[in-house]
Amino acid sequence: MSIDHYKPDQKWKVMNDLEQAFNQITTFNFLLDQLQEAVDQHQHQQIVDITHALNAFYHPYVNNWDKKFKEAWKEVITNDDDPLPKDKIQWEEYWEKEAQKSKDHT
């Protein structure tokens, strides 16, 4: 394997990006704490507003984390240009191929 093939800086970058994407969960924690406080104090409008904020943040958070996970997976685990599996059948086929590769190397 050539030195060009091994890209530690890229591996570090994708894993760092994944960690940063996950760490945005603290926003959820903050909003949930605020929501509990609003519930405890019977602040109806605050409950509504915070619930809207949670719902608005959820999809971008999940989409960002999913994107970063796939980038990290591709760089660190598969390290090739094949697209990631998109459904259960493709994942099963992927793992069968990986298991076969592992058997072939032993």
C-alpha atoms as a PDB file:
ATOM      1  CA  MET A   1       0.000   0.000   0.000  1.00  0.00           C
ATOM      2  CA  SER A   2       1.469   3.346  -1.007  1.00  0.00           C
ATOM      3  CA  ILE A   3       1.784   6.248   1.379  1.00  0.00           C
ATOM      4  CA  ASP A   4      -0.690   8.156  -0.815  1.00  0.00           C
ATOM      5  CA  HIS A   5      -3.332   5.512  -0.169  1.00  0.00           C
ATOM      6  CA  TYR A   6      -3.112   5.988   3.606  1.00  0.00           C
ATOM      7  CA  LYS A   7      -4.645   9.357   4.489  1.00  0.00           C
ATOM      8  CA  PRO A   8      -4.530   9.800   8.272  1.00  0.00           C
ATOM      9  CA  ASP A   9      -5.521  13.453   8.013  1.00  0.00           C
ATOM     10  CA  GLN A  10      -8.696  12.536   6.133  1.00  0.00           C
ATOM     11  CA  LYS A  11      -9.543   9.771   8.616  1.00  0.00           C
ATOM     12  CA  TRP A  12      -9.065  12.189  11.502  1.00  0.00           C
ATOM     13  CA  LYS A  13     -11.196  14.814   9.740  1.00  0.00           C
ATOM     14  CA  VAL A  14     -14.181  12.540   9.104  1.00  0.00           C
ATOM     15  CA  MET A  15     -14.076  11.111  12.630  1.00  0.00           C
ATOM     16  CA  ASN A  16     -13.804  14.605  14.106  1.00  0.00           C
ATOM     17  CA  ASP A  17     -16.711  15.780  11.938  1.00  0.00           C
ATOM     18  CA  LEU A  18     -18.768  12.830  13.170  1.00  0.00           C
ATOM     19  CA  GLU A  19     -17.966  13.644  16.791  1.00  0.00           C
ATOM     20  CA  GLN A  20     -18.888  17.295  16.284  1.00  0.00           C
ATOM     21  CA  ALA A  21     -22.169  16.301  14.644  1.00  0.00           C
ATOM     22  CA  PHE A  22     -23.002  14.057  17.582  1.00  0.00           C
ATOM     23  CA  ASN A  23     -22.000  16.685  20.137  1.00  0.00           C
ATOM     24  CA  GLN A  24     -24.759  18.926  18.870  1.00  0.00           C
ATOM     25  CA  ILE A  25     -27.004  16.702  20.989  1.00  0.00           C
ATOM     26  CA  THR A  26     -26.300  19.173  23.807  1.00  0.00           C
ATOM     27  CA  THR A  27     -28.807  21.461  22.094  1.00  0.00           C
ATOM     28  CA  PHE A  28     -31.444  18.793  22.661  1.00  0.00           C
ATOM     29  CA  ASN A  29     -30.436  18.473  26.281  1.00  0.00           C
ATOM     30  CA  PHE A  30     -30.752  22.223  26.794  1.00  0.00           C
ATOM     31  CA  LEU A  31     -34.159  22.369  25.081  1.00  0.00           C
ATOM     32  CA  LEU A  32     -35.441  19.378  27.035  1.00  0.00           C
ATOM     33  CA  ASP A  33     -34.344  21.008  30.312  1.00  0.00           C
ATOM     34  CA  GLN A  34     -36.156  24.183  29.266  1.00  0.00           C
ATOM     35  CA  LEU A  35     -39.237  22.185  28.318  1.00  0.00           C
ATOM     36  CA  GLN A  36     -39.308  20.433  31.690  1.00  0.00           C
ATOM     37  CA  GLU A  37     -39.012  23.772  33.444  1.00  0.00           C
ATOM     38  CA  ALA A  38     -41.893  25.167  31.389  1.00  0.00           C
ATOM     39  CA  VAL A  39     -44.023  22.096  32.186  1.00  0.00           C
ATOM     40  CA  ASP A  40     -43.228  22.358  35.884  1.00  0.00           C
ATOM     41  CA  GLN A  41     -44.263  26.020  35.840  1.00  0.00           C
ATOM     42  CA  HIS A  42     -47.349  25.410  33.668  1.00  0.00           C
ATOM     43  CA  GLN A  43     -46.118  27.870  31.018  1.00  0.00           C
ATOM     44  CA  HIS A  44     -48.263  26.774  28.088  1.00  0.00           C
ATOM     45  CA  GLN A  45     -46.767  29.106  25.473  1.00  0.00           C
ATOM     46  CA  GLN A  46     -43.216  28.165  26.469  1.00  0.00           C
ATOM     47  CA  ILE A  47     -44.157  24.493  26.134  1.00  0.00           C
ATOM     48  CA  VAL A  48     -45.492  25.132  22.636  1.00  0.00           C
ATOM     49  CA  ASP A  49     -42.483  27.242  21.591  1.00  0.00           C
ATOM     50  CA  ILE A  50     -39.895  24.800  22.910  1.00  0.00           C
ATOM     51  CA  THR A  51     -41.706  21.855  21.358  1.00  0.00           C
ATOM     52  CA  HIS A  52     -41.614  23.660  18.003  1.00  0.00           C
ATOM     53  CA  ALA A  53     -37.902  24.296  18.486  1.00  0.00           C
ATOM     54  CA  LEU A  54     -37.248  20.629  19.256  1.00  0.00           C
ATOM     55  CA  ASN A  55     -39.215  19.525  16.205  1.00  0.00           C
ATOM     56  CA  ALA A  56     -37.432  22.060  13.986  1.00  0.00           C
ATOM     57  CA  PHE A  57     -33.976  20.997  15.185  1.00  0.00           C
ATOM     58  CA  TYR A  58     -34.524  17.237  15.093  1.00  0.00           C
ATOM     59  CA  HIS A  59     -34.441  16.616  11.324  1.00  0.00           C
ATOM     60  CA  PRO A  60     -31.408  18.809  10.525  1.00  0.00           C
ATOM     61  CA  TYR A  61     -29.555  17.225  13.457  1.00  0.00           C
ATOM     62  CA  VAL A  62     -30.338  13.662  12.351  1.00  0.00           C
ATOM     63  CA  ASN A  63     -29.604  14.420   8.687  1.00  0.00           C
ATOM     64  CA  ASN A  64     -26.262  16.010   9.561  1.00  0.00           C
ATOM     65  CA  TRP A  65     -25.256  13.126  11.831  1.00  0.00           C
ATOM     66  CA  ASP A  66     -26.307  10.571   9.214  1.00  0.00           C
ATOM     67  CA  LYS A  67     -24.260  12.350   6.526  1.00  0.00           C
ATOM     68  CA  LYS A  68     -21.182  12.544   8.768  1.00  0.00           C
ATOM     69  CA  PHE A  69     -21.587   8.888   9.806  1.00  0.00           C
ATOM     70  CA  LYS A  70     -21.710   7.756   6.167  1.00  0.00           C
ATOM     71  CA  GLU A  71     -18.651   9.850   5.296  1.00  0.00           C
ATOM     72  CA  ALA A  72     -16.715   8.426   8.249  1.00  0.00           C
ATOM     73  CA  TRP A  73     -17.849   4.878   7.464  1.00  0.00           C
ATOM     74  CA  LYS A  74     -16.765   5.186   3.857  1.00  0.00           C
ATOM     75  CA  GLU A  75     -13.368   6.674   4.740  1.00  0.00           C
ATOM     76  CA  VAL A  76     -12.496   4.578   7.782  1.00  0.00           C
ATOM     77  CA  ILE A  77     -14.278   1.268   7.260  1.00  0.00           C
ATOM     78  CA  THR A  78     -14.758   0.688   3.546  1.00  0.00           C
ATOM     79  CA  ASN A  79     -12.143   3.130   2.204  1.00  0.00           C
ATOM     80  CA  ASP A  80     -13.266   2.595  -1.357  1.00  0.00           C
ATOM     81  CA  ASP A  81     -15.457   4.260  -3.941  1.00  0.00           C
ATOM     82  CA  ASP A  82     -18.375   1.827  -3.688  1.00  0.00           C
ATOM     83  CA  PRO A  83     -21.594   3.505  -2.583  1.00  0.00           C
ATOM     84  CA  LEU A  84     -22.886   2.700   0.871  1.00  0.00           C
ATOM     85  CA  PRO A  85     -25.756   0.219   1.131  1.00  0.00           C
ATOM     86  CA  LYS A  86     -29.143   1.924   1.136  1.00  0.00           C
ATOM     87  CA  ASP A  87     -31.453  -0.762   2.490  1.00  0.00           C
ATOM     88  CA  LYS A  88     -31.492  -3.978   4.498  1.00  0.00           C
ATOM     89  CA  ILE A  89     -30.854  -6.246   1.505  1.00  0.00           C
ATOM     90  CA  GLN A  90     -27.875  -4.181   0.350  1.00  0.00           C
ATOM     91  CA  TRP A  91     -26.459  -4.177   3.897  1.00  0.00           C
ATOM     92  CA  GLU A  92     -26.824  -7.957   4.120  1.00  0.00           C
ATOM     93  CA  GLU A  93     -25.043  -8.358   0.781  1.00  0.00           C
ATOM     94  CA  TYR A  94     -22.332  -5.966   1.941  1.00  0.00           C
ATOM     95  CA  TRP A  95     -21.694  -7.914   5.155  1.00  0.00           C
ATOM     96  CA  GLU A  96     -21.667 -11.216   3.262  1.00  0.00           C
ATOM     97  CA  LYS A  97     -18.947  -9.827   0.962  1.00  0.00           C
ATOM     98  CA  GLU A  98     -16.977  -8.513   3.941  1.00  0.00           C
ATOM     99  CA  ALA A  99     -17.243 -11.870   5.702  1.00  0.00           C
ATOM    100  CA  GLN A 100     -16.027 -13.613   2.553  1.00  0.00           C
ATOM    101  CA  LYS A 101     -13.084 -11.211   2.276  1.00  0.00           C
ATOM    102  CA  SER A 102     -12.209 -11.992   5.878  1.00  0.00           C
ATOM    103  CA  LYS A 103     -12.368 -15.748   5.225  1.00  0.00           C
ATOM    104  CA  ASP A 104     -10.209 -15.352   2.115  1.00  0.00           C
ATOM    105  CA  HIS A 105      -7.479 -13.632   4.153  1.00  0.00           C
ATOM    106  CA  THR A 106      -7.275 -16.387   6.780  1.00  0.00           C
END
